Amino acid sequence: MEQILFYCFAAVLVFAATMVITVRNPVRAALFLVLAFFTSAGIWLMLEAEFLALTLVLVYVGAVMVLFLFVVMMLDINLSSIQEGFTRYLPLGIVVAALITVEMLAVLGASQFGLDMVPAPSPKPDDYSNTAAIGLLLYTTYVYPFELASVILTVAIIAAITLTLRENKSRKAQQVSEQIKVQAKDRVRIVKMASSKREDDA
């Protein structure tokens, strides 16, 4: 039964990944990518990686892909230009896909990742926590790479904010300090004008 579920998930995953790169509508491509994420999470659940499966669903499907869908639907994308360039690069895409397939078969073949080389994981007891095991491994054995990755991500966030908030003369922004210091005499100007009458009234 486990092998049947694995092949079903794998078939759906391959189909969804193929549709992501072949469908011409970006919204449908994003929805097929969501399906690919869900099937990948199912395979990870079968490998007893519950934490990674839930993270994939919550982070990528629940946050990243929803944001991507909103951006795609809000942008005015010219689909005709996308459809015109699809057939032009199709032969090159087929060659690249074939090379990637050959490389994956050579690296992930049965000689390196077969059941004799990497046996199936043994069943864990009922009180076993996958999340606790990952946390213990991250904060003991891999604590320095984990901290280094966090510093790199923090630097990337600061760099992105800095690039976004660069001084741009064409960009208008609020100056809160100037707004607080404003007075009525700076905003209101009383102009005295001489009274005048229309000729028909005279």
C-alpha atoms as a PDB file:
ATOM      1  CA  MET A   1       0.000   0.000   0.000  1.00  0.00           C
ATOM      2  CA  GLU A   2       2.857   2.367   0.788  1.00  0.00           C
ATOM      3  CA  GLN A   3       4.420   1.856  -2.646  1.00  0.00           C
ATOM      4  CA  ILE A   4       1.072   2.453  -4.344  1.00  0.00           C
ATOM      5  CA  LEU A   5       0.662   5.750  -2.474  1.00  0.00           C
ATOM      6  CA  PHE A   6       4.211   6.752  -3.351  1.00  0.00           C
ATOM      7  CA  TYR A   7       3.732   6.105  -7.068  1.00  0.00           C
ATOM      8  CA  CYS A   8       0.408   7.953  -7.021  1.00  0.00           C
ATOM      9  CA  PHE A   9       1.982  10.989  -5.350  1.00  0.00           C
ATOM     10  CA  ALA A  10       4.975  10.801  -7.692  1.00  0.00           C
ATOM     11  CA  ALA A  11       2.761  10.640 -10.797  1.00  0.00           C
ATOM     12  CA  VAL A  12       0.710  13.635  -9.643  1.00  0.00           C
ATOM     13  CA  LEU A  13       3.923  15.529  -8.797  1.00  0.00           C
ATOM     14  CA  VAL A  14       5.461  14.897 -12.222  1.00  0.00           C
ATOM     15  CA  PHE A  15       2.209  15.898 -13.929  1.00  0.00           C
ATOM     16  CA  ALA A  16       1.910  19.101 -11.887  1.00  0.00           C
ATOM     17  CA  ALA A  17       5.563  20.042 -12.490  1.00  0.00           C
ATOM     18  CA  THR A  18       5.132  19.464 -16.221  1.00  0.00           C
ATOM     19  CA  MET A  19       2.026  21.630 -16.317  1.00  0.00           C
ATOM     20  CA  VAL A  20       3.828  24.424 -14.433  1.00  0.00           C
ATOM     21  CA  ILE A  21       6.341  24.844 -17.262  1.00  0.00           C
ATOM     22  CA  THR A  22       4.004  24.127 -20.170  1.00  0.00           C
ATOM     23  CA  VAL A  23       0.774  25.960 -19.343  1.00  0.00           C
ATOM     24  CA  ARG A  24       0.646  29.492 -20.750  1.00  0.00           C
ATOM     25  CA  ASN A  25      -1.599  31.114 -18.171  1.00  0.00           C
ATOM     26  CA  PRO A  26       0.519  32.262 -15.191  1.00  0.00           C
ATOM     27  CA  VAL A  27      -2.369  31.898 -12.737  1.00  0.00           C
ATOM     28  CA  ARG A  28      -2.924  28.273 -13.764  1.00  0.00           C
ATOM     29  CA  ALA A  29       0.836  27.675 -13.563  1.00  0.00           C
ATOM     30  CA  ALA A  30       0.834  28.955  -9.980  1.00  0.00           C
ATOM     31  CA  LEU A  31      -2.112  26.708  -9.096  1.00  0.00           C
ATOM     32  CA  PHE A  32      -0.323  23.679 -10.556  1.00  0.00           C
ATOM     33  CA  LEU A  33       2.715  24.657  -8.471  1.00  0.00           C
ATOM     34  CA  VAL A  34       0.498  24.608  -5.376  1.00  0.00           C
ATOM     35  CA  LEU A  35      -0.573  21.086  -6.358  1.00  0.00           C
ATOM     36  CA  ALA A  36       3.092  20.105  -6.729  1.00  0.00           C
ATOM     37  CA  PHE A  37       3.828  21.449  -3.233  1.00  0.00           C
ATOM     38  CA  PHE A  38       0.941  19.487  -1.739  1.00  0.00           C
ATOM     39  CA  THR A  39       2.044  16.218  -3.351  1.00  0.00           C
ATOM     40  CA  SER A  40       5.644  16.836  -2.225  1.00  0.00           C
ATOM     41  CA  ALA A  41       4.339  17.319   1.310  1.00  0.00           C
ATOM     42  CA  GLY A  42       2.515  14.002   1.013  1.00  0.00           C
ATOM     43  CA  ILE A  43       5.733  12.241  -0.001  1.00  0.00           C
ATOM     44  CA  TRP A  44       7.578  13.834   2.925  1.00  0.00           C
ATOM     45  CA  LEU A  45       4.847  12.613   5.276  1.00  0.00           C
ATOM     46  CA  MET A  46       5.446   9.097   4.000  1.00  0.00           C
ATOM     47  CA  LEU A  47       9.160   9.567   4.782  1.00  0.00           C
ATOM     48  CA  GLU A  48       8.205  10.539   8.357  1.00  0.00           C
ATOM     49  CA  ALA A  49       9.326  14.142   7.851  1.00  0.00           C
ATOM     50  CA  GLU A  50       6.203  15.720   9.284  1.00  0.00           C
ATOM     51  CA  PHE A  51       7.827  19.018  10.213  1.00  0.00           C
ATOM     52  CA  LEU A  52       9.176  19.604   6.691  1.00  0.00           C
ATOM     53  CA  ALA A  53       5.837  18.650   5.143  1.00  0.00           C
ATOM     54  CA  LEU A  54       3.887  21.052   7.345  1.00  0.00           C
ATOM     55  CA  THR A  55       6.462  23.797   6.748  1.00  0.00           C
ATOM     56  CA  LEU A  56       6.136  23.308   2.999  1.00  0.00           C
ATOM     57  CA  VAL A  57       2.352  23.624   3.163  1.00  0.00           C
ATOM     58  CA  LEU A  58       2.226  26.535   5.605  1.00  0.00           C
ATOM     59  CA  VAL A  59       5.101  28.626   4.245  1.00  0.00           C
ATOM     60  CA  TYR A  60       5.134  27.988   0.506  1.00  0.00           C
ATOM     61  CA  VAL A  61       1.491  27.186  -0.168  1.00  0.00           C
ATOM     62  CA  GLY A  62      -0.049  29.333   2.542  1.00  0.00           C
ATOM     63  CA  ALA A  63       2.126  32.427   2.207  1.00  0.00           C
ATOM     64  CA  VAL A  64       4.475  32.546  -0.766  1.00  0.00           C
ATOM     65  CA  MET A  65       2.158  31.126  -3.409  1.00  0.00           C
ATOM     66  CA  VAL A  66      -0.846  33.135  -2.218  1.00  0.00           C
ATOM     67  CA  LEU A  67       1.257  36.302  -2.435  1.00  0.00           C
ATOM     68  CA  PHE A  68       2.491  35.250  -5.872  1.00  0.00           C
ATOM     69  CA  LEU A  69      -1.075  34.651  -7.052  1.00  0.00           C
ATOM     70  CA  PHE A  70      -2.176  38.094  -5.877  1.00  0.00           C
ATOM     71  CA  VAL A  71       0.790  39.713  -7.648  1.00  0.00           C
ATOM     72  CA  VAL A  72       0.162  37.802 -10.874  1.00  0.00           C
ATOM     73  CA  MET A  73      -3.544  38.621 -10.883  1.00  0.00           C
ATOM     74  CA  MET A  74      -2.945  42.295 -10.121  1.00  0.00           C
ATOM     75  CA  LEU A  75      -0.327  42.769 -12.847  1.00  0.00           C
ATOM     76  CA  ASP A  76      -1.365  43.350 -16.423  1.00  0.00           C
ATOM     77  CA  ILE A  77       0.624  40.565 -18.058  1.00  0.00           C
ATOM     78  CA  ASN A  78       0.682  40.403 -21.831  1.00  0.00           C
ATOM     79  CA  LEU A  79      -0.097  36.750 -22.499  1.00  0.00           C
ATOM     80  CA  SER A  80       0.338  37.042 -26.267  1.00  0.00           C
ATOM     81  CA  SER A  81       4.067  37.743 -25.937  1.00  0.00           C
ATOM     82  CA  ILE A  82       4.439  34.736 -23.637  1.00  0.00           C
ATOM     83  CA  GLN A  83       2.655  32.490 -26.116  1.00  0.00           C
ATOM     84  CA  GLU A  84       4.788  33.727 -29.000  1.00  0.00           C
ATOM     85  CA  GLY A  85       8.079  32.949 -27.238  1.00  0.00           C
ATOM     86  CA  PHE A  86       6.985  29.476 -26.113  1.00  0.00           C
ATOM     87  CA  THR A  87       7.468  27.696 -29.418  1.00  0.00           C
ATOM     88  CA  ARG A  88      10.676  29.584 -30.174  1.00  0.00           C
ATOM     89  CA  TYR A  89      12.522  28.180 -27.168  1.00  0.00           C
ATOM     90  CA  LEU A  90      10.806  24.787 -27.115  1.00  0.00           C
ATOM     91  CA  PRO A  91      13.689  22.805 -28.744  1.00  0.00           C
ATOM     92  CA  LEU A  92      16.223  24.323 -26.353  1.00  0.00           C
ATOM     93  CA  GLY A  93      13.945  23.570 -23.414  1.00  0.00           C
ATOM     94  CA  ILE A  94      13.585  19.932 -24.491  1.00  0.00           C
ATOM     95  CA  VAL A  95      17.382  19.561 -24.733  1.00  0.00           C
ATOM     96  CA  VAL A  96      17.922  21.125 -21.304  1.00  0.00           C
ATOM     97  CA  ALA A  97      15.172  18.953 -19.766  1.00  0.00           C
ATOM     98  CA  ALA A  98      16.746  15.832 -21.280  1.00  0.00           C
ATOM     99  CA  LEU A  99      20.189  16.764 -19.892  1.00  0.00           C
ATOM    100  CA  ILE A 100      18.725  17.399 -16.431  1.00  0.00           C
ATOM    101  CA  THR A 101      16.893  14.052 -16.552  1.00  0.00           C
ATOM    102  CA  VAL A 102      20.090  12.189 -17.485  1.00  0.00           C
ATOM    103  CA  GLU A 103      22.033  13.921 -14.699  1.00  0.00           C
ATOM    104  CA  MET A 104      19.343  13.135 -12.111  1.00  0.00           C
ATOM    105  CA  LEU A 105      19.255   9.480 -13.170  1.00  0.00           C
ATOM    106  CA  ALA A 106      23.058   9.297 -12.933  1.00  0.00           C
ATOM    107  CA  VAL A 107      23.193  10.920  -9.490  1.00  0.00           C
ATOM    108  CA  LEU A 108      19.984   9.553  -7.973  1.00  0.00           C
ATOM    109  CA  GLY A 109      20.201   6.104  -9.503  1.00  0.00           C
ATOM    110  CA  ALA A 110      19.631   2.842  -7.700  1.00  0.00           C
ATOM    111  CA  SER A 111      23.385   2.360  -7.242  1.00  0.00           C
ATOM    112  CA  GLN A 112      23.569   5.425  -4.964  1.00  0.00           C
ATOM    113  CA  PHE A 113      20.060   5.692  -3.523  1.00  0.00           C
ATOM    114  CA  GLY A 114      18.678   2.204  -3.769  1.00  0.00           C
ATOM    115  CA  LEU A 115      17.090   0.321  -0.883  1.00  0.00           C
ATOM    116  CA  ASP A 116      20.328  -1.589  -0.351  1.00  0.00           C
ATOM    117  CA  MET A 117      22.291   1.679  -0.009  1.00  0.00           C
ATOM    118  CA  VAL A 118      19.634   3.762   1.783  1.00  0.00           C
ATOM    119  CA  PRO A 119      17.201   1.479   3.580  1.00  0.00           C
ATOM    120  CA  ALA A 120      13.701   2.532   4.489  1.00  0.00           C
ATOM    121  CA  PRO A 121      13.438   4.365   7.826  1.00  0.00           C
ATOM    122  CA  SER A 122      12.555   2.194  10.758  1.00  0.00           C
ATOM    123  CA  PRO A 123       9.189   2.898  12.415  1.00  0.00           C
ATOM    124  CA  LYS A 124       9.429   5.313  15.319  1.00  0.00           C
ATOM    125  CA  PRO A 125       7.623   4.973  18.659  1.00  0.00           C
ATOM    126  CA  ASP A 126       4.390   6.794  19.298  1.00  0.00           C
ATOM    127  CA  ASP A 127       5.983   9.442  21.530  1.00  0.00           C
ATOM    128  CA  TYR A 128       8.619  10.334  18.917  1.00  0.00           C
ATOM    129  CA  SER A 129       8.584  14.004  17.829  1.00  0.00           C
ATOM    130  CA  ASN A 130      10.068  14.858  14.474  1.00  0.00           C
ATOM    131  CA  THR A 131      10.063  18.572  15.316  1.00  0.00           C
ATOM    132  CA  ALA A 132      11.955  18.000  18.581  1.00  0.00           C
ATOM    133  CA  ALA A 133      14.560  15.880  16.779  1.00  0.00           C
ATOM    134  CA  ILE A 134      15.140  18.554  14.135  1.00  0.00           C
ATOM    135  CA  GLY A 135      15.390  21.290  16.799  1.00  0.00           C
ATOM    136  CA  LEU A 136      17.855  19.250  18.829  1.00  0.00           C
ATOM    137  CA  LEU A 137      19.981  18.612  15.751  1.00  0.00           C
ATOM    138  CA  LEU A 138      19.911  22.251  14.634  1.00  0.00           C
ATOM    139  CA  TYR A 139      20.877  23.717  17.994  1.00  0.00           C
ATOM    140  CA  THR A 140      23.578  21.171  18.840  1.00  0.00           C
ATOM    141  CA  THR A 141      25.371  19.677  15.844  1.00  0.00           C
ATOM    142  CA  TYR A 142      24.572  22.353  13.259  1.00  0.00           C
ATOM    143  CA  VAL A 143      24.311  25.406  15.526  1.00  0.00           C
ATOM    144  CA  TYR A 144      27.092  27.365  13.782  1.00  0.00           C
ATOM    145  CA  PRO A 145      25.789  26.831  10.204  1.00  0.00           C
ATOM    146  CA  PHE A 146      22.304  27.662  11.483  1.00  0.00           C
ATOM    147  CA  GLU A 147      23.483  30.939  13.037  1.00  0.00           C
ATOM    148  CA  LEU A 148      25.487  31.766   9.914  1.00  0.00           C
ATOM    149  CA  ALA A 149      22.417  31.222   7.736  1.00  0.00           C
ATOM    150  CA  SER A 150      20.367  33.483  10.018  1.00  0.00           C
ATOM    151  CA  VAL A 151      23.002  36.247   9.779  1.00  0.00           C
ATOM    152  CA  ILE A 152      23.051  35.946   5.976  1.00  0.00           C
ATOM    153  CA  LEU A 153      19.258  36.185   5.828  1.00  0.00           C
ATOM    154  CA  THR A 154      19.307  39.229   8.125  1.00  0.00           C
ATOM    155  CA  VAL A 155      21.878  40.930   5.891  1.00  0.00           C
ATOM    156  CA  ALA A 156      19.727  40.122   2.850  1.00  0.00           C
ATOM    157  CA  ILE A 157      16.659  41.677   4.506  1.00  0.00           C
ATOM    158  CA  ILE A 158      18.606  44.830   5.415  1.00  0.00           C
ATOM    159  CA  ALA A 159      20.003  45.064   1.881  1.00  0.00           C
ATOM    160  CA  ALA A 160      16.532  44.708   0.358  1.00  0.00           C
ATOM    161  CA  ILE A 161      15.136  47.433   2.629  1.00  0.00           C
ATOM    162  CA  THR A 162      18.100  49.696   1.836  1.00  0.00           C
ATOM    163  CA  LEU A 163      17.654  49.266  -1.907  1.00  0.00           C
ATOM    164  CA  THR A 164      13.937  49.968  -1.596  1.00  0.00           C
ATOM    165  CA  LEU A 165      14.344  53.117   0.514  1.00  0.00           C
ATOM    166  CA  ARG A 166      17.040  54.756  -1.577  1.00  0.00           C
ATOM    167  CA  GLU A 167      16.672  58.491  -2.042  1.00  0.00           C
ATOM    168  CA  ASN A 168      14.608  59.094  -5.118  1.00  0.00           C
ATOM    169  CA  LYS A 169      13.663  62.599  -6.144  1.00  0.00           C
ATOM    170  CA  SER A 170      10.599  61.426  -8.030  1.00  0.00           C
ATOM    171  CA  ARG A 171       9.274  59.527  -5.001  1.00  0.00           C
ATOM    172  CA  LYS A 172       7.058  61.463  -2.616  1.00  0.00           C
ATOM    173  CA  ALA A 173       6.953  60.483   1.038  1.00  0.00           C
ATOM    174  CA  GLN A 174       5.562  61.906   4.245  1.00  0.00           C
ATOM    175  CA  GLN A 175       7.802  63.936   6.534  1.00  0.00           C
ATOM    176  CA  VAL A 176       6.226  63.364   9.927  1.00  0.00           C
ATOM    177  CA  SER A 177       8.529  65.808  11.733  1.00  0.00           C
ATOM    178  CA  GLU A 178       7.630  68.605   9.312  1.00  0.00           C
ATOM    179  CA  GLN A 179       3.932  67.831   9.694  1.00  0.00           C
ATOM    180  CA  ILE A 180       4.135  68.048  13.474  1.00  0.00           C
ATOM    181  CA  LYS A 181       5.919  71.419  13.420  1.00  0.00           C
ATOM    182  CA  VAL A 182       3.400  73.034  11.071  1.00  0.00           C
ATOM    183  CA  GLN A 183       1.369  76.016  12.308  1.00  0.00           C
ATOM    184  CA  ALA A 184      -1.811  77.669  11.143  1.00  0.00           C
ATOM    185  CA  LYS A 185      -0.011  80.737   9.812  1.00  0.00           C
ATOM    186  CA  ASP A 186       2.091  78.481   7.593  1.00  0.00           C
ATOM    187  CA  ARG A 187      -0.936  76.800   6.062  1.00  0.00           C
ATOM    188  CA  VAL A 188      -3.537  79.571   5.838  1.00  0.00           C
ATOM    189  CA  ARG A 189      -2.972  82.818   3.977  1.00  0.00           C
ATOM    190  CA  ILE A 190      -5.576  85.589   4.077  1.00  0.00           C
ATOM    191  CA  VAL A 191      -5.682  87.659   0.909  1.00  0.00           C
ATOM    192  CA  LYS A 192      -7.505  90.987   1.029  1.00  0.00           C
ATOM    193  CA  MET A 193      -9.172  91.964  -2.217  1.00  0.00           C
ATOM    194  CA  ALA A 194     -11.046  95.124  -3.083  1.00  0.00           C
ATOM    195  CA  SER A 195     -14.777  94.698  -3.409  1.00  0.00           C
ATOM    196  CA  SER A 196     -16.207  95.047  -6.860  1.00  0.00           C
ATOM    197  CA  LYS A 197     -19.691  95.247  -8.377  1.00  0.00           C
ATOM    198  CA  ARG A 198     -20.997  94.008 -11.643  1.00  0.00           C
ATOM    199  CA  GLU A 199     -21.924  96.615 -14.224  1.00  0.00           C
ATOM    200  CA  ASP A 200     -25.592  95.535 -14.439  1.00  0.00           C
ATOM    201  CA  ASP A 201     -25.920  95.958 -10.638  1.00  0.00           C
ATOM    202  CA  ALA A 202     -24.530  99.482 -10.912  1.00  0.00           C
END
